[in-house]
Amino acid sequence: MTDPGIRLSRQWIPEGDAGIAMTLGVMRDLIRQGSIHPDVRRAAVEATAYLSHEDQAAEVDAVAEWILARVDYRPDPLLSEWLQQPWAVLSEIERGERPALDCDDLTLLSLSMLGAIGFQTSLVVVASQPDRVFDHVYGVVLISGRWEALDLTAGLGGRQPRPEYRAAMVAV
């Protein structure tokens, strides 16, 4: 059963790069909304409790570990692209459920939580096959002046790191 506070929408997404650009725009907007959502902030503060913001790498690791301990990796249904609102995922976790997330959902949640505690983030979409079709997304986080990759799928049995034949970055 769906939580009545969760808004569901369906929209047509064009094929190819136009569809990727549209999806990344929606993801960027969800991350911005999540970064200022009180439930997202609460989870980020809980995940990084007792850590100094001076140790930014430790805070990023703590957020990643907090998420990985509470969710499972599962791909979206065939022929569809689901984007789960970070605050809705946290609501499932609070109810004792273990949400099923794919690469875009993990990226939405992790970057929203990090944004909620002051980190600058961006999205990276990549083509991991020689056909150069975009097929994976992950986040990058600015830590001590350097962009560091944050791809949680490998930690949940998802896609292992592969060569990137093509990549694009979108600032959040």
Protein backbone atom coordinates (compact mmCIF):
# COMPACT_ATOMS: atom_id res chain seq x y z
CA MET A 1 0.00 0.00 0.00
CA THR A 2 1.28 3.45 -0.87
CA ASP A 3 1.67 6.10 1.81
CA PRO A 4 -1.01 8.76 1.18
CA GLY A 5 1.62 11.50 1.50
CA ILE A 6 3.58 10.18 -1.47
CA ARG A 7 2.89 11.76 -4.82
CA LEU A 8 3.04 9.39 -7.76
CA SER A 9 3.19 10.58 -11.33
CA ARG A 10 3.62 9.03 -14.73
CA GLN A 11 5.15 10.78 -17.65
CA TRP A 12 6.49 9.83 -21.01
CA ILE A 13 10.27 9.98 -21.33
CA PRO A 14 11.82 10.29 -24.78
CA GLU A 15 14.39 7.77 -25.96
CA GLY A 16 18.13 8.40 -25.88
CA ASP A 17 19.98 11.42 -24.58
CA ALA A 18 16.83 13.58 -24.47
CA GLY A 19 15.24 11.13 -22.04
CA ILE A 20 18.43 11.00 -19.95
CA ALA A 21 18.52 14.80 -19.77
CA MET A 22 14.87 14.88 -18.70
CA THR A 23 15.45 12.23 -16.02
CA LEU A 24 18.54 14.02 -14.70
CA GLY A 25 16.54 17.24 -14.43
CA VAL A 26 13.89 15.50 -12.33
CA MET A 27 16.63 13.91 -10.20
CA ARG A 28 18.32 17.29 -9.66
CA ASP A 29 14.99 18.78 -8.53
CA LEU A 30 14.30 15.86 -6.15
CA ILE A 31 17.78 16.19 -4.61
CA ARG A 32 17.27 19.92 -4.10
CA GLN A 33 13.89 19.27 -2.46
CA GLY A 34 15.33 16.44 -0.37
CA SER A 35 18.25 18.56 0.84
CA ILE A 36 15.85 20.91 2.62
CA HIS A 37 13.33 18.29 3.77
CA PRO A 38 13.29 17.93 7.60
CA ASP A 39 13.13 14.11 7.51
CA VAL A 40 16.15 13.95 5.20
CA ARG A 41 18.09 16.35 7.42
CA ARG A 42 17.15 14.32 10.51
CA ALA A 43 18.45 11.10 8.92
CA ALA A 44 21.68 12.79 7.79
CA VAL A 45 22.31 14.19 11.27
CA GLU A 46 21.60 10.76 12.79
CA ALA A 47 24.00 9.08 10.35
CA THR A 48 26.80 11.51 11.16
CA ALA A 49 26.20 11.88 14.90
CA TYR A 50 29.40 12.27 16.91
CA LEU A 51 31.47 13.11 13.81
CA SER A 52 33.14 16.45 13.26
CA HIS A 53 32.23 18.28 10.06
CA GLU A 54 35.96 18.88 9.79
CA ASP A 55 36.29 15.20 8.81
CA GLN A 56 34.20 15.42 5.66
CA ALA A 57 35.33 12.05 4.29
CA ALA A 58 34.15 10.35 7.48
CA GLU A 59 30.76 12.07 7.20
CA VAL A 60 30.32 10.91 3.59
CA ASP A 61 31.30 7.37 4.59
CA ALA A 62 28.88 7.45 7.53
CA VAL A 63 25.96 8.51 5.31
CA ALA A 64 26.82 5.76 2.81
CA GLU A 65 27.07 3.11 5.54
CA TRP A 66 23.79 4.29 7.12
CA ILE A 67 21.99 3.88 3.80
CA LEU A 68 23.62 0.54 2.92
CA ALA A 69 22.56 -0.92 6.28
CA ARG A 70 18.88 -0.11 5.61
CA VAL A 71 18.11 -0.76 1.92
CA ASP A 72 18.44 -3.42 -0.78
CA TYR A 73 19.46 -3.06 -4.41
CA ARG A 74 16.82 -3.99 -6.99
CA PRO A 75 16.46 -2.78 -10.58
CA ASP A 76 13.35 -0.92 -11.71
CA PRO A 77 10.51 -2.86 -13.37
CA LEU A 78 11.07 -3.62 -17.04
CA LEU A 79 10.44 -0.78 -19.47
CA SER A 80 10.07 1.82 -16.73
CA GLU A 81 12.13 4.33 -14.81
CA TRP A 82 11.16 4.86 -11.19
CA LEU A 83 12.50 7.78 -9.19
CA GLN A 84 11.72 7.41 -5.50
CA GLN A 85 11.49 10.55 -3.40
CA PRO A 86 14.22 10.48 -0.72
CA TRP A 87 11.77 11.45 2.05
CA ALA A 88 9.41 8.65 0.97
CA VAL A 89 12.27 6.13 1.15
CA LEU A 90 13.09 7.37 4.65
CA SER A 91 9.44 6.96 5.61
CA GLU A 92 9.63 3.29 4.58
CA ILE A 93 12.79 2.86 6.66
CA GLU A 94 11.12 4.49 9.68
CA ARG A 95 8.24 1.99 9.36
CA GLY A 96 10.76 -0.86 9.61
CA GLU A 97 10.69 -1.72 5.92
CA ARG A 98 13.74 -2.32 3.76
CA PRO A 99 13.24 -0.31 0.55
CA ALA A 100 14.37 -1.67 -2.81
CA LEU A 101 16.46 0.96 -4.61
CA ASP A 102 18.37 1.07 -7.88
CA CYS A 103 21.24 3.35 -8.89
CA ASP A 104 19.15 6.47 -9.35
CA ASP A 105 17.26 6.00 -6.06
CA LEU A 106 20.48 5.39 -4.11
CA THR A 107 21.94 8.51 -5.69
CA LEU A 108 18.84 10.57 -4.86
CA LEU A 109 18.91 9.48 -1.21
CA SER A 110 22.65 9.82 -0.63
CA LEU A 111 23.02 13.20 -2.33
CA SER A 112 19.92 14.58 -0.60
CA MET A 113 21.24 13.51 2.80
CA LEU A 114 24.67 14.98 2.07
CA GLY A 115 23.16 18.21 0.77
CA ALA A 116 21.11 18.43 3.98
CA ILE A 117 24.35 18.67 5.98
CA GLY A 118 26.09 21.14 3.70
CA PHE A 119 27.88 19.13 1.03
CA GLN A 120 28.04 20.26 -2.58
CA THR A 121 27.09 17.40 -4.92
CA SER A 122 26.63 16.57 -8.59
CA LEU A 123 25.19 13.74 -10.64
CA VAL A 124 27.29 11.66 -13.05
CA VAL A 125 25.63 9.62 -15.77
CA VAL A 126 27.77 7.09 -17.61
CA ALA A 127 27.77 4.63 -20.45
CA SER A 128 29.44 1.49 -19.14
CA GLN A 129 29.30 -0.40 -22.46
CA PRO A 130 31.03 0.27 -25.79
CA ASP A 131 27.66 1.20 -27.38
CA ARG A 132 27.97 4.52 -25.46
CA VAL A 133 24.34 4.45 -24.31
CA PHE A 134 23.95 5.99 -20.86
CA ASP A 135 23.01 3.19 -18.43
CA HIS A 136 24.13 4.15 -14.94
CA VAL A 137 24.10 7.15 -12.60
CA TYR A 138 25.96 7.90 -9.40
CA GLY A 139 26.85 10.90 -7.30
CA VAL A 140 29.99 12.88 -6.73
CA VAL A 141 30.66 14.90 -3.58
CA LEU A 142 33.01 17.82 -3.07
CA ILE A 143 35.27 16.78 -0.18
CA SER A 144 38.07 19.13 0.82
CA GLY A 145 38.13 20.74 -2.62
CA ARG A 146 38.08 17.49 -4.64
CA TRP A 147 35.20 15.71 -6.36
CA GLU A 148 34.91 12.17 -5.00
CA ALA A 149 32.71 9.44 -6.50
CA LEU A 150 29.92 7.99 -4.38
CA ASP A 151 28.41 4.93 -6.08
CA LEU A 152 26.49 2.83 -3.57
CA THR A 153 25.35 0.12 -5.99
CA ALA A 154 28.52 -1.94 -5.67
CA GLY A 155 27.98 -2.15 -1.90
CA LEU A 156 24.51 -3.66 -2.41
CA GLY A 157 25.24 -6.26 -5.05
CA GLY A 158 24.40 -3.91 -7.89
CA ARG A 159 26.56 -3.02 -10.85
CA GLN A 160 30.24 -3.35 -10.11
CA PRO A 161 32.46 -0.51 -11.34
CA ARG A 162 33.07 -0.76 -15.07
CA PRO A 163 34.90 1.31 -17.64
CA GLU A 164 33.17 4.55 -18.52
CA TYR A 165 32.93 4.94 -22.29
CA ARG A 166 31.04 8.21 -21.97
CA ALA A 167 30.13 10.40 -19.00
CA ALA A 168 28.35 13.65 -18.22
CA MET A 169 28.13 15.58 -14.96
CA VAL A 170 25.13 17.63 -13.81
CA ALA A 171 25.50 20.02 -10.88
CA VAL A 172 22.87 19.81 -8.17
